[in-house]
């Protein structure tokens, strides 16, 4: 039973994909349910400004938001299954 739940969890984590952005869409990231970054898009205008520190902050904010969205998506979609496998998160 536990092995089957684990396999379902792994499949769900692979299939879950979230998008998050920062700076009004200046930085957009895509992350899967395993919290692996799938893509990072940066508006070319952000690079032209030369404010590297602000760009770094936006990248970090977008990644952190994506991670929060993954947590929320996994909790809501797996619901009761989390009780038995809570140690994995």
N, C-alpha and C. Protein backbone atom coordinates (compact mmCIF):
# COMPACT_ATOMS: atom_id res chain seq x y z
N UNK A 1 0.84 -1.20 0.00
CA UNK A 1 0.00 0.00 0.00
C UNK A 1 0.88 1.26 0.00
N UNK A 2 1.86 1.28 0.89
CA UNK A 2 2.74 2.45 0.98
C UNK A 2 3.52 2.65 -0.32
N UNK A 3 3.96 1.55 -0.92
CA UNK A 3 4.72 1.65 -2.17
C UNK A 3 3.84 2.24 -3.28
N UNK A 4 2.58 1.80 -3.32
CA UNK A 4 1.66 2.32 -4.33
C UNK A 4 1.41 3.81 -4.11
N UNK A 5 1.23 4.22 -2.86
CA UNK A 5 1.03 5.63 -2.56
C UNK A 5 2.26 6.44 -2.95
N UNK A 6 3.43 5.89 -2.69
CA UNK A 6 4.68 6.57 -3.05
C UNK A 6 4.76 6.75 -4.57
N UNK A 7 4.40 5.71 -5.33
CA UNK A 7 4.44 5.80 -6.79
C UNK A 7 3.45 6.85 -7.30
N UNK A 8 2.25 6.89 -6.69
CA UNK A 8 1.27 7.89 -7.07
C UNK A 8 1.81 9.29 -6.78
N UNK A 9 2.43 9.44 -5.63
CA UNK A 9 3.02 10.72 -5.24
C UNK A 9 4.10 11.15 -6.23
N UNK A 10 4.99 10.24 -6.60
CA UNK A 10 6.06 10.57 -7.54
C UNK A 10 5.49 10.99 -8.89
N UNK A 11 4.46 10.29 -9.36
CA UNK A 11 3.84 10.62 -10.64
C UNK A 11 3.20 12.01 -10.56
N UNK A 12 2.50 12.26 -9.47
CA UNK A 12 1.84 13.56 -9.29
C UNK A 12 2.87 14.68 -9.25
N UNK A 13 4.01 14.44 -8.60
CA UNK A 13 5.05 15.45 -8.50
C UNK A 13 5.64 15.77 -9.88
N UNK A 14 5.76 14.75 -10.71
CA UNK A 14 6.30 14.97 -12.06
C UNK A 14 5.30 15.73 -12.92
N UNK A 15 4.01 15.45 -12.74
CA UNK A 15 2.98 16.06 -13.58
C UNK A 15 2.63 17.48 -13.16
N UNK A 16 2.86 17.82 -11.90
CA UNK A 16 2.50 19.15 -11.41
C UNK A 16 3.51 20.17 -11.92
N UNK A 17 3.02 21.21 -12.56
CA UNK A 17 3.88 22.30 -13.04
C UNK A 17 3.21 23.62 -12.66
N UNK A 18 3.98 24.51 -12.07
CA UNK A 18 3.46 25.82 -11.68
C UNK A 18 4.29 26.92 -12.33
N UNK A 19 3.65 28.06 -12.53
CA UNK A 19 4.33 29.27 -13.02
C UNK A 19 4.27 30.31 -11.92
N UNK A 20 5.31 31.11 -11.81
CA UNK A 20 5.32 32.23 -10.88
C UNK A 20 6.15 33.34 -11.50
N UNK A 21 5.80 34.58 -11.12
CA UNK A 21 6.55 35.70 -11.68
C UNK A 21 6.81 36.74 -10.60
N UNK A 22 7.71 37.63 -10.91
CA UNK A 22 8.04 38.74 -10.01
C UNK A 22 8.31 39.96 -10.86
N UNK A 23 8.20 41.12 -10.22
CA UNK A 23 8.46 42.37 -10.93
C UNK A 23 7.46 42.62 -12.04
N UNK A 24 6.20 42.27 -11.79
CA UNK A 24 5.17 42.50 -12.80
C UNK A 24 5.39 41.70 -14.07
N UNK A 25 5.97 40.52 -13.93
CA UNK A 25 6.21 39.66 -15.09
C UNK A 25 7.60 39.82 -15.68
N UNK A 26 8.43 40.62 -15.05
CA UNK A 26 9.81 40.80 -15.54
C UNK A 26 10.56 39.48 -15.50
N UNK A 27 10.34 38.70 -14.44
CA UNK A 27 10.96 37.39 -14.31
C UNK A 27 9.84 36.37 -14.13
N UNK A 28 9.85 35.32 -14.94
CA UNK A 28 8.86 34.25 -14.84
C UNK A 28 9.59 32.92 -14.77
N UNK A 29 9.17 32.08 -13.83
CA UNK A 29 9.78 30.76 -13.70
C UNK A 29 8.70 29.69 -13.77
N UNK A 30 9.13 28.50 -14.18
CA UNK A 30 8.26 27.33 -14.23
C UNK A 30 8.96 26.27 -13.39
N UNK A 31 8.18 25.59 -12.51
CA UNK A 31 8.75 24.60 -11.60
C UNK A 31 7.83 23.40 -11.54
N UNK A 32 8.42 22.20 -11.42
CA UNK A 32 7.59 21.02 -11.28
C UNK A 32 7.36 20.68 -9.81
N UNK A 33 6.58 19.66 -9.57
CA UNK A 33 6.21 19.27 -8.22
C UNK A 33 7.36 18.76 -7.37
N UNK A 34 8.49 18.48 -8.00
CA UNK A 34 9.69 18.07 -7.26
C UNK A 34 10.56 19.27 -6.93
N UNK A 35 10.04 20.46 -7.25
CA UNK A 35 10.73 21.73 -7.06
C UNK A 35 11.99 21.85 -7.91
N UNK A 36 11.92 21.25 -9.10
CA UNK A 36 12.99 21.39 -10.07
C UNK A 36 12.59 22.51 -11.03
N UNK A 37 13.48 23.48 -11.22
CA UNK A 37 13.20 24.56 -12.16
C UNK A 37 13.16 24.01 -13.58
N UNK A 38 12.11 24.34 -14.30
CA UNK A 38 11.98 23.90 -15.68
C UNK A 38 12.38 25.00 -16.65
N UNK A 39 12.10 26.25 -16.26
CA UNK A 39 12.50 27.37 -17.12
C UNK A 39 12.54 28.66 -16.31
N UNK A 40 13.36 29.59 -16.80
CA UNK A 40 13.45 30.94 -16.25
C UNK A 40 13.43 31.89 -17.45
N UNK A 41 12.50 32.83 -17.42
CA UNK A 41 12.43 33.84 -18.48
C UNK A 41 12.61 35.21 -17.86
N UNK A 42 13.49 35.99 -18.46
CA UNK A 42 13.77 37.34 -17.98
C UNK A 42 13.53 38.32 -19.12
N UNK A 43 12.72 39.32 -18.86
CA UNK A 43 12.44 40.36 -19.84
C UNK A 43 13.75 41.08 -20.18
N UNK A 44 14.11 41.16 -21.45
CA UNK A 44 15.36 41.81 -21.84
C UNK A 44 15.50 43.25 -21.32
N UNK A 45 14.38 43.92 -21.12
CA UNK A 45 14.44 45.29 -20.59
C UNK A 45 15.05 45.32 -19.20
N UNK A 46 14.86 44.26 -18.42
CA UNK A 46 15.40 44.20 -17.06
C UNK A 46 16.93 44.18 -17.09
N UNK A 47 17.48 43.58 -18.11
CA UNK A 47 18.93 43.50 -18.23
C UNK A 47 19.50 44.85 -18.67
N UNK A 48 18.75 45.55 -19.50
CA UNK A 48 19.21 46.85 -20.00
C UNK A 48 19.35 47.88 -18.89
N UNK A 49 18.54 47.75 -17.85
CA UNK A 49 18.59 48.74 -16.77
C UNK A 49 19.92 48.69 -16.03
N UNK A 50 20.57 47.55 -16.05
CA UNK A 50 21.87 47.43 -15.38
C UNK A 50 21.77 47.21 -13.88
N UNK A 51 20.57 47.12 -13.34
CA UNK A 51 20.39 46.92 -11.90
C UNK A 51 20.39 45.43 -11.60
N UNK A 52 21.59 44.88 -11.50
CA UNK A 52 21.76 43.44 -11.31
C UNK A 52 21.17 42.98 -9.98
N UNK A 53 21.35 43.78 -8.95
CA UNK A 53 20.84 43.41 -7.62
C UNK A 53 19.32 43.26 -7.64
N UNK A 54 18.63 44.18 -8.28
CA UNK A 54 17.18 44.11 -8.36
C UNK A 54 16.75 42.87 -9.17
N UNK A 55 17.46 42.58 -10.25
CA UNK A 55 17.15 41.42 -11.07
C UNK A 55 17.35 40.14 -10.26
N UNK A 56 18.42 40.07 -9.50
CA UNK A 56 18.66 38.90 -8.65
C UNK A 56 17.52 38.72 -7.64
N UNK A 57 17.07 39.82 -7.05
CA UNK A 57 15.97 39.76 -6.09
C UNK A 57 14.69 39.26 -6.76
N UNK A 58 14.44 39.72 -7.99
CA UNK A 58 13.24 39.28 -8.70
C UNK A 58 13.30 37.79 -9.04
N UNK A 59 14.47 37.31 -9.44
CA UNK A 59 14.63 35.88 -9.74
C UNK A 59 14.37 35.06 -8.48
N UNK A 60 14.97 35.49 -7.38
CA UNK A 60 14.78 34.79 -6.11
C UNK A 60 13.31 34.81 -5.69
N UNK A 61 12.65 35.94 -5.82
CA UNK A 61 11.24 36.05 -5.44
C UNK A 61 10.37 35.13 -6.29
N UNK A 62 10.62 35.07 -7.58
CA UNK A 62 9.83 34.22 -8.47
C UNK A 62 10.03 32.74 -8.13
N UNK A 63 11.26 32.35 -7.84
CA UNK A 63 11.54 30.95 -7.48
C UNK A 63 10.85 30.60 -6.16
N UNK A 64 10.95 31.49 -5.18
CA UNK A 64 10.32 31.23 -3.89
C UNK A 64 8.80 31.13 -4.03
N UNK A 65 8.21 31.98 -4.85
CA UNK A 65 6.76 31.94 -5.07
C UNK A 65 6.37 30.63 -5.75
N UNK A 66 7.16 30.19 -6.71
CA UNK A 66 6.88 28.92 -7.38
C UNK A 66 6.94 27.77 -6.38
N UNK A 67 7.92 27.79 -5.49
CA UNK A 67 8.03 26.73 -4.47
C UNK A 67 6.80 26.72 -3.56
N UNK A 68 6.31 27.91 -3.19
CA UNK A 68 5.09 27.98 -2.37
C UNK A 68 3.89 27.41 -3.13
N UNK A 69 3.82 27.73 -4.43
CA UNK A 69 2.72 27.23 -5.24
C UNK A 69 2.78 25.70 -5.36
N UNK A 70 3.98 25.16 -5.48
CA UNK A 70 4.14 23.70 -5.53
C UNK A 70 3.63 23.08 -4.23
N UNK A 71 4.04 23.65 -3.10
CA UNK A 71 3.59 23.13 -1.80
C UNK A 71 2.07 23.13 -1.72
N UNK A 72 1.46 24.23 -2.11
CA UNK A 72 0.01 24.36 -2.05
C UNK A 72 -0.66 23.35 -2.99
N UNK A 73 -0.14 23.23 -4.20
CA UNK A 73 -0.72 22.31 -5.18
C UNK A 73 -0.62 20.87 -4.70
N UNK A 74 0.52 20.51 -4.15
CA UNK A 74 0.71 19.14 -3.70
C UNK A 74 -0.17 18.83 -2.49
N UNK A 75 -0.29 19.77 -1.59
CA UNK A 75 -1.13 19.55 -0.41
C UNK A 75 -2.59 19.40 -0.80
N UNK A 76 -3.06 20.26 -1.68
CA UNK A 76 -4.48 20.21 -2.04
C UNK A 76 -4.80 18.98 -2.90
N UNK A 77 -3.88 18.58 -3.77
CA UNK A 77 -4.19 17.46 -4.67
C UNK A 77 -4.01 16.11 -3.99
N UNK A 78 -3.16 16.05 -2.98
CA UNK A 78 -2.91 14.76 -2.34
C UNK A 78 -3.65 14.59 -1.03
N UNK A 79 -4.09 15.68 -0.46
CA UNK A 79 -4.93 15.65 0.73
C UNK A 79 -4.58 14.61 1.77
N UNK A 80 -5.43 13.61 1.92
CA UNK A 80 -5.27 12.59 2.95
C UNK A 80 -4.02 11.76 2.81
N UNK A 81 -3.51 11.64 1.61
CA UNK A 81 -2.32 10.83 1.39
C UNK A 81 -1.11 11.42 2.10
N UNK A 82 -1.14 12.72 2.32
CA UNK A 82 -0.02 13.40 2.99
C UNK A 82 0.21 12.88 4.40
N UNK A 83 -0.84 12.43 5.06
CA UNK A 83 -0.71 11.94 6.43
C UNK A 83 0.31 10.82 6.52
N UNK A 84 0.25 9.88 5.62
CA UNK A 84 1.16 8.74 5.67
C UNK A 84 2.54 9.04 5.12
N UNK A 85 2.64 10.05 4.29
CA UNK A 85 3.91 10.33 3.64
C UNK A 85 4.43 11.72 3.99
N UNK A 86 3.94 12.30 5.05
CA UNK A 86 4.30 13.66 5.43
C UNK A 86 5.79 13.88 5.59
N UNK A 87 6.53 12.87 5.95
CA UNK A 87 7.97 13.00 6.15
C UNK A 87 8.74 13.26 4.87
N UNK A 88 8.10 13.06 3.73
CA UNK A 88 8.79 13.28 2.46
C UNK A 88 8.91 14.74 2.11
N UNK A 89 8.12 15.60 2.75
CA UNK A 89 8.12 17.02 2.39
C UNK A 89 8.88 17.84 3.37
